[in-house]
């Protein structure tokens, strides 16, 4: 597990400066608002580095047989879809309706495996109601997490705390996918933190917020 954490941390630390350089040239910039803790225009979308670092760590965990391949594949596919939607929003600034529609589609993809896997245990109506509630919960959490991104360090620190908690619970309960997910979230956020706190050189953007938010949920 230490190898997964180390690889994730180092790659995030290395990829984020490259992301900053590209974002500056593409003019993917966050303009300060009243709730912002920065006063100068700052690149957004640095979560690309977090995404690449964390995915590399997850793939390493899968290749070593630390986690079951099916669970890992579901996590990677769903979180990657969210990250792609977030990246598009960072670069092109989607309107509210297409953004929410894309989030809803990704959330449905995220929840769908649970809906079908629990077929024998619960009635169709109850599963549908719980799946709908789960979709709303995932979308709500993503947007709340994304809202924090304008304050220096808060999103990364939140992810470190949440990831560490998940890693501890997963280790104690011997739930490897939870442990690995928590480790990679915390390590990636730790690798991103120096670029976002105390002075923000870059923000996670939607790509990072959507990816981390999905992984935590």
N, C-alpha and C. Protein backbone atom coordinates (compact mmCIF):
# COMPACT_ATOMS: atom_id res chain seq x y z
N UNK A 1 0.82 -1.21 0.00
CA UNK A 1 0.00 0.00 0.00
C UNK A 1 0.86 1.26 0.00
N UNK A 2 2.03 1.18 0.65
CA UNK A 2 2.93 2.32 0.68
C UNK A 2 3.44 2.67 -0.71
N UNK A 3 3.64 1.64 -1.55
CA UNK A 3 4.07 1.89 -2.92
C UNK A 3 3.02 2.62 -3.72
N UNK A 4 1.75 2.27 -3.50
CA UNK A 4 0.64 2.94 -4.18
C UNK A 4 0.59 4.41 -3.76
N UNK A 5 0.71 4.66 -2.46
CA UNK A 5 0.68 6.03 -1.95
C UNK A 5 1.85 6.85 -2.48
N UNK A 6 3.04 6.24 -2.48
CA UNK A 6 4.23 6.96 -2.94
C UNK A 6 4.14 7.32 -4.42
N UNK A 7 3.72 6.35 -5.24
CA UNK A 7 3.60 6.61 -6.68
C UNK A 7 2.57 7.71 -6.94
N UNK A 8 1.43 7.63 -6.28
CA UNK A 8 0.38 8.63 -6.46
C UNK A 8 0.87 10.02 -6.08
N UNK A 9 1.53 10.12 -4.93
CA UNK A 9 2.04 11.41 -4.44
C UNK A 9 3.06 12.00 -5.41
N UNK A 10 4.04 11.20 -5.81
CA UNK A 10 5.13 11.69 -6.66
C UNK A 10 4.60 12.12 -8.03
N UNK A 11 3.73 11.31 -8.62
CA UNK A 11 3.21 11.65 -9.95
C UNK A 11 2.33 12.89 -9.91
N UNK A 12 1.53 13.03 -8.87
CA UNK A 12 0.71 14.23 -8.74
C UNK A 12 1.60 15.45 -8.58
N UNK A 13 2.63 15.33 -7.77
CA UNK A 13 3.59 16.41 -7.56
C UNK A 13 4.28 16.80 -8.87
N UNK A 14 4.53 15.81 -9.74
CA UNK A 14 5.22 16.05 -11.00
C UNK A 14 4.27 16.54 -12.10
N UNK A 15 3.06 16.00 -12.15
CA UNK A 15 2.13 16.36 -13.22
C UNK A 15 1.50 17.75 -13.03
N UNK A 16 1.33 18.18 -11.80
CA UNK A 16 0.62 19.45 -11.56
C UNK A 16 1.33 20.66 -12.17
N UNK A 17 2.66 20.81 -12.06
CA UNK A 17 3.30 21.95 -12.72
C UNK A 17 3.11 21.94 -14.24
N UNK A 18 3.11 20.76 -14.83
CA UNK A 18 2.86 20.66 -16.27
C UNK A 18 1.44 21.11 -16.58
N UNK A 19 0.49 20.70 -15.73
CA UNK A 19 -0.89 21.13 -15.92
C UNK A 19 -1.01 22.65 -15.81
N UNK A 20 -0.31 23.26 -14.85
CA UNK A 20 -0.33 24.71 -14.69
C UNK A 20 0.16 25.39 -15.96
N UNK A 21 1.25 24.89 -16.50
CA UNK A 21 1.85 25.48 -17.71
C UNK A 21 0.87 25.42 -18.89
N UNK A 22 0.22 24.27 -19.06
CA UNK A 22 -0.74 24.11 -20.17
C UNK A 22 -1.96 24.99 -19.95
N UNK A 23 -2.49 25.01 -18.73
CA UNK A 23 -3.69 25.80 -18.43
C UNK A 23 -3.44 27.29 -18.64
N UNK A 24 -2.26 27.77 -18.29
CA UNK A 24 -1.94 29.18 -18.50
C UNK A 24 -1.93 29.52 -19.99
N UNK A 25 -1.43 28.63 -20.79
CA UNK A 25 -1.37 28.89 -22.23
C UNK A 25 -2.73 28.75 -22.90
N UNK A 26 -3.59 27.94 -22.33
CA UNK A 26 -4.95 27.81 -22.85
C UNK A 26 -5.88 28.87 -22.28
N UNK A 27 -5.35 29.67 -21.34
CA UNK A 27 -6.14 30.72 -20.67
C UNK A 27 -7.34 30.14 -19.93
N UNK A 28 -7.12 29.01 -19.27
CA UNK A 28 -8.15 28.42 -18.41
C UNK A 28 -7.92 29.02 -17.03
N UNK A 29 -8.56 30.16 -16.78
CA UNK A 29 -8.24 30.99 -15.63
C UNK A 29 -9.46 31.21 -14.75
N UNK A 30 -9.26 31.17 -13.43
CA UNK A 30 -10.30 31.47 -12.46
C UNK A 30 -10.18 32.94 -12.05
N UNK A 31 -11.24 33.70 -12.27
CA UNK A 31 -11.26 35.11 -11.90
C UNK A 31 -11.77 35.25 -10.47
N UNK A 32 -11.08 36.01 -9.61
CA UNK A 32 -11.48 36.13 -8.20
C UNK A 32 -12.91 36.66 -8.03
N UNK A 33 -13.62 36.12 -7.04
CA UNK A 33 -14.95 36.60 -6.68
C UNK A 33 -14.94 36.96 -5.19
N UNK A 34 -16.09 37.31 -4.65
CA UNK A 34 -16.17 37.73 -3.25
C UNK A 34 -15.82 36.59 -2.29
N UNK A 35 -16.10 35.34 -2.68
CA UNK A 35 -15.82 34.22 -1.79
C UNK A 35 -14.41 33.67 -1.97
N UNK A 36 -13.67 34.23 -2.92
CA UNK A 36 -12.33 33.71 -3.20
C UNK A 36 -11.32 34.21 -2.18
N UNK A 37 -10.32 33.39 -1.89
CA UNK A 37 -9.25 33.81 -1.00
C UNK A 37 -8.04 34.28 -1.80
N UNK A 38 -8.14 34.27 -3.13
CA UNK A 38 -7.06 34.78 -3.97
C UNK A 38 -7.51 36.11 -4.60
N UNK A 39 -6.54 36.94 -4.93
CA UNK A 39 -6.87 38.26 -5.48
C UNK A 39 -6.37 38.43 -6.90
N UNK A 40 -5.67 37.44 -7.42
CA UNK A 40 -5.19 37.50 -8.79
C UNK A 40 -5.80 36.35 -9.59
N UNK A 41 -5.85 36.51 -10.88
CA UNK A 41 -6.38 35.45 -11.73
C UNK A 41 -5.47 34.23 -11.65
N UNK A 42 -6.09 33.06 -11.44
CA UNK A 42 -5.34 31.83 -11.17
C UNK A 42 -5.86 30.70 -12.06
N UNK A 43 -4.96 29.90 -12.63
CA UNK A 43 -5.41 28.78 -13.46
C UNK A 43 -6.31 27.82 -12.69
N UNK A 44 -7.29 27.27 -13.35
CA UNK A 44 -8.12 26.22 -12.76
C UNK A 44 -8.03 24.99 -13.66
N UNK A 45 -8.20 23.83 -13.07
CA UNK A 45 -8.06 22.59 -13.83
C UNK A 45 -6.83 21.81 -13.43
N UNK A 46 -6.16 22.25 -12.35
CA UNK A 46 -4.98 21.53 -11.88
C UNK A 46 -5.29 20.13 -11.39
N UNK A 47 -6.57 19.84 -11.22
CA UNK A 47 -6.98 18.50 -10.84
C UNK A 47 -6.62 17.44 -11.87
N UNK A 48 -6.20 17.87 -13.06
CA UNK A 48 -5.71 16.90 -14.05
C UNK A 48 -4.53 16.14 -13.48
N UNK A 49 -3.64 16.85 -12.78
CA UNK A 49 -2.51 16.20 -12.15
C UNK A 49 -2.93 15.22 -11.07
N UNK A 50 -3.94 15.62 -10.29
CA UNK A 50 -4.50 14.73 -9.27
C UNK A 50 -5.09 13.48 -9.91
N UNK A 51 -5.84 13.69 -10.97
CA UNK A 51 -6.47 12.57 -11.68
C UNK A 51 -5.43 11.58 -12.20
N UNK A 52 -4.40 12.10 -12.87
CA UNK A 52 -3.38 11.22 -13.45
C UNK A 52 -2.60 10.49 -12.36
N UNK A 53 -2.28 11.20 -11.28
CA UNK A 53 -1.55 10.56 -10.18
C UNK A 53 -2.37 9.47 -9.50
N UNK A 54 -3.63 9.79 -9.20
CA UNK A 54 -4.49 8.83 -8.49
C UNK A 54 -4.80 7.61 -9.36
N UNK A 55 -5.09 7.84 -10.62
CA UNK A 55 -5.38 6.72 -11.53
C UNK A 55 -4.17 5.80 -11.65
N UNK A 56 -2.99 6.39 -11.73
CA UNK A 56 -1.77 5.58 -11.79
C UNK A 56 -1.63 4.71 -10.54
N UNK A 57 -1.93 5.30 -9.38
CA UNK A 57 -1.88 4.54 -8.14
C UNK A 57 -2.89 3.41 -8.10
N UNK A 58 -4.10 3.69 -8.57
CA UNK A 58 -5.14 2.66 -8.60
C UNK A 58 -4.78 1.53 -9.56
N UNK A 59 -4.21 1.89 -10.70
CA UNK A 59 -3.81 0.86 -11.67
C UNK A 59 -2.69 -0.01 -11.09
N UNK A 60 -1.76 0.63 -10.37
CA UNK A 60 -0.69 -0.14 -9.72
C UNK A 60 -1.28 -1.10 -8.70
N UNK A 61 -2.25 -0.64 -7.92
CA UNK A 61 -2.90 -1.51 -6.93
C UNK A 61 -3.58 -2.69 -7.61
N UNK A 62 -4.22 -2.43 -8.74
CA UNK A 62 -4.88 -3.51 -9.48
C UNK A 62 -3.88 -4.50 -10.05
N UNK A 63 -2.76 -3.99 -10.56
CA UNK A 63 -1.76 -4.88 -11.16
C UNK A 63 -1.10 -5.78 -10.13
N UNK A 64 -1.05 -5.31 -8.88
CA UNK A 64 -0.45 -6.11 -7.81
C UNK A 64 -1.46 -7.03 -7.14
N UNK A 65 -2.71 -6.96 -7.59
CA UNK A 65 -3.74 -7.82 -7.01
C UNK A 65 -4.20 -7.39 -5.64
N UNK A 66 -3.95 -6.12 -5.29
CA UNK A 66 -4.35 -5.62 -3.97
C UNK A 66 -5.87 -5.52 -3.88
N UNK A 67 -6.51 -5.18 -5.01
CA UNK A 67 -7.96 -5.04 -5.03
C UNK A 67 -8.55 -5.91 -6.13
N UNK A 68 -9.83 -6.21 -6.00
CA UNK A 68 -10.54 -7.04 -6.99
C UNK A 68 -10.75 -6.23 -8.26
N UNK A 69 -10.47 -6.84 -9.40
CA UNK A 69 -10.45 -6.13 -10.67
C UNK A 69 -11.79 -5.50 -11.02
N UNK A 70 -12.91 -6.20 -10.75
CA UNK A 70 -14.22 -5.68 -11.11
C UNK A 70 -14.56 -4.39 -10.39
N UNK A 71 -14.32 -4.35 -9.09
CA UNK A 71 -14.59 -3.15 -8.30
C UNK A 71 -13.71 -1.99 -8.75
N UNK A 72 -12.45 -2.29 -9.04
CA UNK A 72 -11.52 -1.25 -9.47
C UNK A 72 -11.93 -0.68 -10.83
N UNK A 73 -12.35 -1.56 -11.73
CA UNK A 73 -12.77 -1.11 -13.05
C UNK A 73 -13.97 -0.17 -12.96
N UNK A 74 -14.95 -0.53 -12.13
CA UNK A 74 -16.13 0.32 -11.95
C UNK A 74 -15.74 1.69 -11.44
N UNK A 75 -14.87 1.73 -10.43
CA UNK A 75 -14.42 2.99 -9.86
C UNK A 75 -13.68 3.84 -10.89
N UNK A 76 -12.78 3.22 -11.64
CA UNK A 76 -12.00 3.96 -12.63
C UNK A 76 -12.87 4.52 -13.75
N UNK A 77 -13.79 3.69 -14.24
CA UNK A 77 -14.65 4.14 -15.34
C UNK A 77 -15.54 5.30 -14.90
N UNK A 78 -16.20 5.16 -13.77
CA UNK A 78 -17.14 6.19 -13.30
C UNK A 78 -16.42 7.48 -12.95
N UNK A 79 -15.34 7.39 -12.19
CA UNK A 79 -14.62 8.60 -11.81
C UNK A 79 -13.97 9.27 -13.02
N UNK A 80 -13.55 8.49 -14.00
CA UNK A 80 -12.96 9.06 -15.22
C UNK A 80 -13.99 9.82 -16.03
N UNK A 81 -15.21 9.29 -16.12
CA UNK A 81 -16.28 10.00 -16.82
C UNK A 81 -16.55 11.35 -16.16
N UNK A 82 -16.62 11.35 -14.83
CA UNK A 82 -16.83 12.61 -14.11
C UNK A 82 -15.68 13.58 -14.37
N UNK A 83 -14.45 13.08 -14.35
CA UNK A 83 -13.28 13.93 -14.57
C UNK A 83 -13.30 14.55 -15.97
N UNK A 84 -13.71 13.78 -16.97
CA UNK A 84 -13.77 14.28 -18.34
C UNK A 84 -14.82 15.39 -18.46
N UNK A 85 -15.98 15.17 -17.84
CA UNK A 85 -17.02 16.21 -17.84
C UNK A 85 -16.49 17.47 -17.17
N UNK A 86 -15.79 17.30 -16.04
CA UNK A 86 -15.23 18.44 -15.33
C UNK A 86 -14.20 19.17 -16.16
N UNK A 87 -13.36 18.44 -16.87
CA UNK A 87 -12.33 19.07 -17.70
C UNK A 87 -12.97 19.89 -18.82
N UNK A 88 -14.00 19.33 -19.44
CA UNK A 88 -14.70 20.06 -20.49
C UNK A 88 -15.30 21.35 -19.93
N UNK A 89 -15.86 21.26 -18.73
CA UNK A 89 -16.45 22.44 -18.09
C UNK A 89 -15.38 23.47 -17.76
N UNK A 90 -14.21 23.02 -17.31
CA UNK A 90 -13.13 23.95 -17.01
C UNK A 90 -12.68 24.71 -18.26
N UNK A 91 -12.55 23.99 -19.36
CA UNK A 91 -12.00 24.58 -20.59
C UNK A 91 -13.04 25.41 -21.33
N UNK A 92 -14.30 24.92 -21.36
CA UNK A 92 -15.32 25.57 -22.18
C UNK A 92 -16.42 26.26 -21.40
N UNK A 93 -16.50 26.05 -20.10
CA UNK A 93 -17.52 26.64 -19.23
C UNK A 93 -18.92 26.31 -19.74
N UNK A 94 -19.39 25.12 -19.41
CA UNK A 94 -20.71 24.66 -19.83
C UNK A 94 -21.81 25.46 -19.14
N UNK A 95 -22.93 25.61 -19.83
CA UNK A 95 -24.10 26.21 -19.21
C UNK A 95 -24.66 25.26 -18.15
N UNK A 96 -25.55 25.79 -17.32
CA UNK A 96 -26.04 25.01 -16.18
C UNK A 96 -26.73 23.73 -16.61
N UNK A 97 -27.63 23.81 -17.59
CA UNK A 97 -28.41 22.63 -17.99
C UNK A 97 -27.55 21.50 -18.54
N UNK A 98 -26.68 21.76 -19.54
CA UNK A 98 -25.85 20.65 -20.01
C UNK A 98 -24.89 20.12 -18.95
N UNK A 99 -24.44 21.01 -18.05
CA UNK A 99 -23.55 20.56 -16.98
C UNK A 99 -24.27 19.60 -16.04
N UNK A 100 -25.49 19.98 -15.63
CA UNK A 100 -26.26 19.12 -14.73
C UNK A 100 -26.66 17.83 -15.42
N UNK A 101 -26.99 17.91 -16.71
CA UNK A 101 -27.36 16.71 -17.45
C UNK A 101 -26.17 15.74 -17.52
N UNK A 102 -24.98 16.28 -17.76
CA UNK A 102 -23.78 15.43 -17.82
C UNK A 102 -23.49 14.83 -16.45
N UNK A 103 -23.64 15.64 -15.39
CA UNK A 103 -23.43 15.12 -14.04
C UNK A 103 -24.42 14.01 -13.72
N UNK A 104 -25.68 14.22 -14.10
CA UNK A 104 -26.71 13.21 -13.83
C UNK A 104 -26.41 11.91 -14.56
N UNK A 105 -25.98 12.02 -15.83
CA UNK A 105 -25.65 10.83 -16.60
C UNK A 105 -24.50 10.06 -15.96
N UNK A 106 -23.48 10.79 -15.49
CA UNK A 106 -22.34 10.14 -14.83
C UNK A 106 -22.77 9.51 -13.51
N UNK A 107 -23.64 10.20 -12.77
CA UNK A 107 -24.11 9.67 -11.48
C UNK A 107 -24.93 8.39 -11.68
N UNK A 108 -25.75 8.37 -12.73
CA UNK A 108 -26.53 7.16 -13.04
C UNK A 108 -25.59 6.01 -13.36
N UNK A 109 -24.54 6.28 -14.14
CA UNK A 109 -23.55 5.26 -14.46
C UNK A 109 -22.88 4.75 -13.19
N UNK A 110 -22.64 5.64 -12.26
CA UNK A 110 -22.00 5.30 -10.99
C UNK A 110 -22.89 4.41 -10.13
N UNK A 111 -24.19 4.70 -10.12
CA UNK A 111 -25.14 4.00 -9.25
C UNK A 111 -25.66 2.70 -9.88
N UNK A 112 -25.69 2.64 -11.20
CA UNK A 112 -26.31 1.52 -11.92
C UNK A 112 -25.81 0.14 -11.48
N UNK A 113 -24.49 -0.07 -11.32
CA UNK A 113 -24.04 -1.41 -10.91
C UNK A 113 -24.67 -1.87 -9.60
N UNK A 114 -24.79 -0.95 -8.64
CA UNK A 114 -25.41 -1.31 -7.36
C UNK A 114 -26.87 -1.68 -7.56
N UNK A 115 -27.57 -0.95 -8.44
CA UNK A 115 -28.99 -1.19 -8.68
C UNK A 115 -29.23 -2.62 -9.17
N UNK A 116 -28.40 -3.05 -10.11
CA UNK A 116 -28.59 -4.39 -10.68
C UNK A 116 -28.05 -5.49 -9.78
N UNK A 117 -26.96 -5.22 -9.08
CA UNK A 117 -26.37 -6.25 -8.22
C UNK A 117 -27.27 -6.60 -7.05
N UNK A 118 -28.12 -5.67 -6.61
CA UNK A 118 -28.98 -5.90 -5.46
C UNK A 118 -30.40 -6.31 -5.86
N UNK A 119 -30.52 -6.82 -7.09
CA UNK A 119 -31.83 -7.22 -7.59
C UNK A 119 -32.57 -8.21 -6.73
N UNK A 120 -31.96 -9.32 -6.30
CA UNK A 120 -32.70 -10.33 -5.53
C UNK A 120 -33.09 -9.86 -4.13
N UNK A 121 -32.33 -8.92 -3.56
CA UNK A 121 -32.53 -8.55 -2.17
C UNK A 121 -33.65 -7.54 -1.95
N UNK A 122 -33.86 -6.64 -2.90
CA UNK A 122 -34.82 -5.55 -2.72
C UNK A 122 -35.82 -5.51 -3.88
N UNK A 123 -36.99 -4.94 -3.61
CA UNK A 123 -37.99 -4.79 -4.67
C UNK A 123 -37.53 -3.75 -5.68
N UNK A 124 -38.09 -3.82 -6.89
CA UNK A 124 -37.72 -2.89 -7.95
C UNK A 124 -38.02 -1.45 -7.54
N UNK A 125 -39.17 -1.23 -6.93
CA UNK A 125 -39.55 0.12 -6.52
C UNK A 125 -38.61 0.71 -5.48
N UNK A 126 -38.24 -0.11 -4.49
CA UNK A 126 -37.34 0.36 -3.45
C UNK A 126 -35.95 0.63 -4.03
N UNK A 127 -35.49 -0.27 -4.90
CA UNK A 127 -34.18 -0.05 -5.53
C UNK A 127 -34.17 1.22 -6.36
N UNK A 128 -35.26 1.46 -7.10
CA UNK A 128 -35.35 2.66 -7.93
C UNK A 128 -35.32 3.92 -7.08
N UNK A 129 -36.06 3.91 -5.98
CA UNK A 129 -36.10 5.07 -5.09
C UNK A 129 -34.73 5.33 -4.46
N UNK A 130 -34.08 4.27 -4.03
CA UNK A 130 -32.77 4.42 -3.42
C UNK A 130 -31.73 4.85 -4.45
N UNK A 131 -31.85 4.33 -5.66
CA UNK A 131 -30.91 4.72 -6.72
C UNK A 131 -31.09 6.19 -7.07
N UNK A 132 -32.34 6.66 -7.15
CA UNK A 132 -32.60 8.07 -7.45
C UNK A 132 -32.03 8.97 -6.36
N UNK A 133 -32.22 8.55 -5.10
CA UNK A 133 -31.68 9.32 -3.98
C UNK A 133 -30.15 9.35 -4.03
N UNK A 134 -29.56 8.23 -4.43
CA UNK A 134 -28.10 8.16 -4.53
C UNK A 134 -27.57 9.08 -5.62
N UNK A 135 -28.28 9.15 -6.75
CA UNK A 135 -27.89 10.06 -7.84
C UNK A 135 -27.91 11.50 -7.37
N UNK A 136 -28.98 11.89 -6.68
CA UNK A 136 -29.09 13.26 -6.15
C UNK A 136 -27.97 13.53 -5.15
N UNK A 137 -27.68 12.55 -4.29
CA UNK A 137 -26.64 12.70 -3.28
C UNK A 137 -25.27 12.89 -3.92
N UNK A 138 -24.95 12.07 -4.92
CA UNK A 138 -23.66 12.18 -5.60
C UNK A 138 -23.52 13.54 -6.27
N UNK A 139 -24.56 13.97 -6.99
CA UNK A 139 -24.51 15.28 -7.66
C UNK A 139 -24.38 16.41 -6.65
N UNK A 140 -25.13 16.31 -5.56
CA UNK A 140 -25.07 17.35 -4.53
C UNK A 140 -23.70 17.46 -3.91
N UNK A 141 -23.11 16.30 -3.59
CA UNK A 141 -21.80 16.31 -2.96
C UNK A 141 -20.74 16.88 -3.90
N UNK A 142 -20.80 16.49 -5.17
CA UNK A 142 -19.83 16.99 -6.15
C UNK A 142 -19.86 18.51 -6.22
N UNK A 143 -21.06 19.07 -6.26
CA UNK A 143 -21.18 20.51 -6.40
C UNK A 143 -20.79 21.26 -5.14
N UNK A 144 -21.08 20.68 -3.98
CA UNK A 144 -20.63 21.29 -2.72
C UNK A 144 -19.10 21.24 -2.63
N UNK A 145 -18.51 20.11 -3.00
CA UNK A 145 -17.05 19.99 -2.98
C UNK A 145 -16.43 20.98 -3.95
N UNK A 146 -17.04 21.11 -5.11
CA UNK A 146 -16.54 22.03 -6.13
C UNK A 146 -16.63 23.48 -5.65
N UNK A 147 -17.67 23.79 -4.87
CA UNK A 147 -17.87 25.15 -4.37
C UNK A 147 -16.73 25.58 -3.46
N UNK A 148 -16.12 24.63 -2.74
CA UNK A 148 -15.04 24.95 -1.82
C UNK A 148 -13.74 25.32 -2.54
N UNK A 149 -13.64 24.99 -3.81
CA UNK A 149 -12.37 25.05 -4.51
C UNK A 149 -11.81 26.47 -4.62
N UNK A 150 -12.64 27.51 -4.43
CA UNK A 150 -12.14 28.87 -4.54
C UNK A 150 -11.40 29.37 -3.32
N UNK A 151 -11.34 28.55 -2.27
CA UNK A 151 -10.64 28.94 -1.04
C UNK A 151 -9.35 28.15 -0.94
N UNK A 152 -8.25 28.84 -0.82
CA UNK A 152 -6.94 28.19 -0.84
C UNK A 152 -6.84 27.04 0.15
N UNK A 153 -6.47 25.86 -0.35
CA UNK A 153 -6.16 24.73 0.49
C UNK A 153 -7.32 23.92 1.01
N UNK A 154 -8.54 24.46 1.01
CA UNK A 154 -9.63 23.79 1.70
C UNK A 154 -10.02 22.47 1.04
N UNK A 155 -10.06 22.43 -0.30
CA UNK A 155 -10.45 21.20 -0.99
C UNK A 155 -9.41 20.11 -0.79
N UNK A 156 -8.13 20.47 -0.91
CA UNK A 156 -7.06 19.48 -0.74
C UNK A 156 -7.03 18.95 0.68
N UNK A 157 -7.17 19.83 1.67
CA UNK A 157 -7.17 19.40 3.06
C UNK A 157 -8.38 18.51 3.37
N UNK A 158 -9.54 18.87 2.81
CA UNK A 158 -10.73 18.04 2.97
C UNK A 158 -10.49 16.65 2.39
N UNK A 159 -9.87 16.60 1.20
CA UNK A 159 -9.62 15.31 0.55
C UNK A 159 -8.61 14.48 1.34
N UNK A 160 -7.59 15.14 1.91
CA UNK A 160 -6.61 14.41 2.72
C UNK A 160 -7.29 13.79 3.94
N UNK A 161 -8.14 14.56 4.61
CA UNK A 161 -8.84 14.05 5.78
C UNK A 161 -9.81 12.93 5.41
N UNK A 162 -10.60 13.15 4.36
CA UNK A 162 -11.57 12.13 3.93
C UNK A 162 -10.86 10.87 3.45
N UNK A 163 -9.80 11.05 2.65
CA UNK A 163 -9.06 9.90 2.15
C UNK A 163 -8.41 9.12 3.27
N UNK A 164 -7.82 9.82 4.24
CA UNK A 164 -7.21 9.15 5.38
C UNK A 164 -8.23 8.36 6.19
N UNK A 165 -9.41 8.94 6.35
CA UNK A 165 -10.48 8.26 7.09
C UNK A 165 -10.93 6.99 6.36
N UNK A 166 -11.11 7.11 5.04
CA UNK A 166 -11.50 5.94 4.26
C UNK A 166 -10.44 4.85 4.31
N UNK A 167 -9.18 5.27 4.21
CA UNK A 167 -8.08 4.29 4.26
C UNK A 167 -8.07 3.56 5.59
N UNK A 168 -8.28 4.28 6.68
CA UNK A 168 -8.30 3.66 8.01
C UNK A 168 -9.46 2.67 8.15
N UNK A 169 -10.66 3.12 7.73
CA UNK A 169 -11.84 2.25 7.83
C UNK A 169 -11.66 1.01 6.96
N UNK A 170 -11.18 1.21 5.73
CA UNK A 170 -10.97 0.09 4.83
C UNK A 170 -9.97 -0.91 5.37
N UNK A 171 -8.92 -0.40 6.02
CA UNK A 171 -7.89 -1.29 6.61
C UNK A 171 -8.46 -2.08 7.78
N UNK A 172 -9.17 -1.40 8.67
CA UNK A 172 -9.75 -2.05 9.85
C UNK A 172 -10.78 -3.10 9.46
N UNK A 173 -11.62 -2.75 8.47
CA UNK A 173 -12.69 -3.66 8.04
C UNK A 173 -12.24 -4.64 6.96
N UNK A 174 -10.96 -4.56 6.58
CA UNK A 174 -10.41 -5.43 5.53
C UNK A 174 -11.18 -5.30 4.21
N UNK A 175 -11.53 -4.05 3.89
CA UNK A 175 -12.24 -3.75 2.65
C UNK A 175 -11.24 -3.04 1.73
N UNK A 176 -10.55 -3.81 0.89
CA UNK A 176 -9.39 -3.32 0.17
C UNK A 176 -9.70 -2.18 -0.80
N UNK A 177 -10.82 -2.22 -1.49
CA UNK A 177 -11.12 -1.16 -2.46
C UNK A 177 -11.31 0.17 -1.74
N UNK A 178 -11.90 0.14 -0.55
CA UNK A 178 -12.08 1.36 0.24
C UNK A 178 -10.73 1.87 0.72
N UNK A 179 -9.89 0.96 1.18
CA UNK A 179 -8.57 1.35 1.67
C UNK A 179 -7.73 1.95 0.55
N UNK A 180 -7.70 1.29 -0.59
CA UNK A 180 -6.90 1.78 -1.72
C UNK A 180 -7.42 3.12 -2.22
N UNK A 181 -8.73 3.24 -2.32
CA UNK A 181 -9.34 4.49 -2.76
C UNK A 181 -8.96 5.63 -1.80
N UNK A 182 -9.06 5.37 -0.50
CA UNK A 182 -8.69 6.38 0.48
C UNK A 182 -7.23 6.78 0.40
N UNK A 183 -6.35 5.79 0.24
CA UNK A 183 -4.92 6.05 0.15
C UNK A 183 -4.60 6.93 -1.06
N UNK A 184 -5.17 6.59 -2.21
CA UNK A 184 -4.87 7.36 -3.42
C UNK A 184 -5.44 8.77 -3.35
N UNK A 185 -6.62 8.93 -2.79
CA UNK A 185 -7.20 10.27 -2.63
C UNK A 185 -6.30 11.13 -1.76
N UNK A 186 -5.93 10.60 -0.59
CA UNK A 186 -5.11 11.36 0.35
C UNK A 186 -3.74 11.69 -0.24
N UNK A 187 -3.11 10.71 -0.89
CA UNK A 187 -1.77 10.92 -1.46
C UNK A 187 -1.80 11.93 -2.60
N UNK A 188 -2.82 11.84 -3.46
CA UNK A 188 -2.93 12.78 -4.57
C UNK A 188 -3.20 14.20 -4.07
N UNK A 189 -4.07 14.32 -3.08
CA UNK A 189 -4.38 15.64 -2.52
C UNK A 189 -3.15 16.23 -1.84
N UNK A 190 -2.36 15.39 -1.17
CA UNK A 190 -1.14 15.85 -0.53
C UNK A 190 -0.13 16.34 -1.57
N UNK A 191 -0.06 15.66 -2.71
CA UNK A 191 0.83 16.08 -3.77
C UNK A 191 0.39 17.39 -4.42
N UNK A 192 -0.92 17.65 -4.40
CA UNK A 192 -1.46 18.88 -5.00
C UNK A 192 -1.38 20.07 -4.05
N UNK A 193 -1.41 19.82 -2.74
CA UNK A 193 -1.52 20.88 -1.74
C UNK A 193 -0.46 21.98 -1.87
N UNK A 194 0.83 21.67 -2.11
CA UNK A 194 1.83 22.74 -2.19
C UNK A 194 1.55 23.77 -3.29
N UNK A 195 0.78 23.38 -4.30
CA UNK A 195 0.47 24.30 -5.39
C UNK A 195 -0.81 25.11 -5.13
N UNK A 196 -1.48 24.80 -4.02
CA UNK A 196 -2.76 25.44 -3.73
C UNK A 196 -2.80 26.14 -2.37
N UNK A 197 -1.74 25.95 -1.58
CA UNK A 197 -1.73 26.53 -0.24
C UNK A 197 -0.29 26.74 0.22
N UNK A 198 0.05 27.87 0.88
CA UNK A 198 -0.86 28.97 1.29
C UNK A 198 -1.23 29.92 0.17
N UNK A 199 -0.38 29.97 -0.89
CA UNK A 199 -0.73 30.79 -2.05
C UNK A 199 -1.13 29.88 -3.20
N UNK A 200 -2.29 30.13 -3.77
CA UNK A 200 -2.80 29.25 -4.82
C UNK A 200 -2.14 29.58 -6.16
N UNK A 201 -1.35 28.64 -6.65
CA UNK A 201 -0.82 28.76 -8.01
C UNK A 201 -1.79 28.15 -9.02
N UNK A 202 -2.69 27.30 -8.52
CA UNK A 202 -3.68 26.64 -9.37
C UNK A 202 -4.79 26.10 -8.47
N UNK A 203 -5.97 25.93 -9.06
CA UNK A 203 -7.08 25.31 -8.35
C UNK A 203 -7.39 23.96 -8.98
N UNK A 204 -8.06 23.11 -8.21
CA UNK A 204 -8.44 21.80 -8.73
C UNK A 204 -9.28 21.94 -9.99
N UNK A 205 -10.21 22.90 -9.98
CA UNK A 205 -11.17 23.03 -11.07
C UNK A 205 -12.20 21.92 -11.00
N UNK A 206 -13.09 21.91 -11.95
CA UNK A 206 -14.14 20.89 -11.97
C UNK A 206 -13.57 19.49 -12.18
N UNK A 207 -12.51 19.39 -12.98
CA UNK A 207 -11.93 18.07 -13.25
C UNK A 207 -11.46 17.41 -11.96
N UNK A 208 -10.77 18.16 -11.11
CA UNK A 208 -10.31 17.60 -9.86
C UNK A 208 -11.40 17.41 -8.83
N UNK A 209 -12.30 18.40 -8.76
CA UNK A 209 -13.40 18.33 -7.79
C UNK A 209 -14.34 17.16 -8.11
N UNK A 210 -14.67 16.98 -9.39
CA UNK A 210 -15.55 15.89 -9.78
C UNK A 210 -14.90 14.54 -9.53
N UNK A 211 -13.61 14.44 -9.85
CA UNK A 211 -12.91 13.16 -9.66
C UNK A 211 -12.82 12.79 -8.19
N UNK A 212 -12.32 13.73 -7.38
CA UNK A 212 -12.17 13.44 -5.95
C UNK A 212 -13.53 13.21 -5.30
N UNK A 213 -14.51 14.05 -5.66
CA UNK A 213 -15.84 13.89 -5.10
C UNK A 213 -16.43 12.52 -5.39
N UNK A 214 -16.24 12.04 -6.60
CA UNK A 214 -16.73 10.71 -6.97
C UNK A 214 -16.02 9.62 -6.17
N UNK A 215 -14.70 9.76 -6.07
CA UNK A 215 -13.92 8.74 -5.36
C UNK A 215 -14.30 8.68 -3.88
N UNK A 216 -14.55 9.84 -3.28
CA UNK A 216 -14.93 9.87 -1.87
C UNK A 216 -16.31 9.25 -1.67
N UNK A 217 -17.24 9.56 -2.57
CA UNK A 217 -18.60 9.04 -2.44
C UNK A 217 -18.63 7.56 -2.72
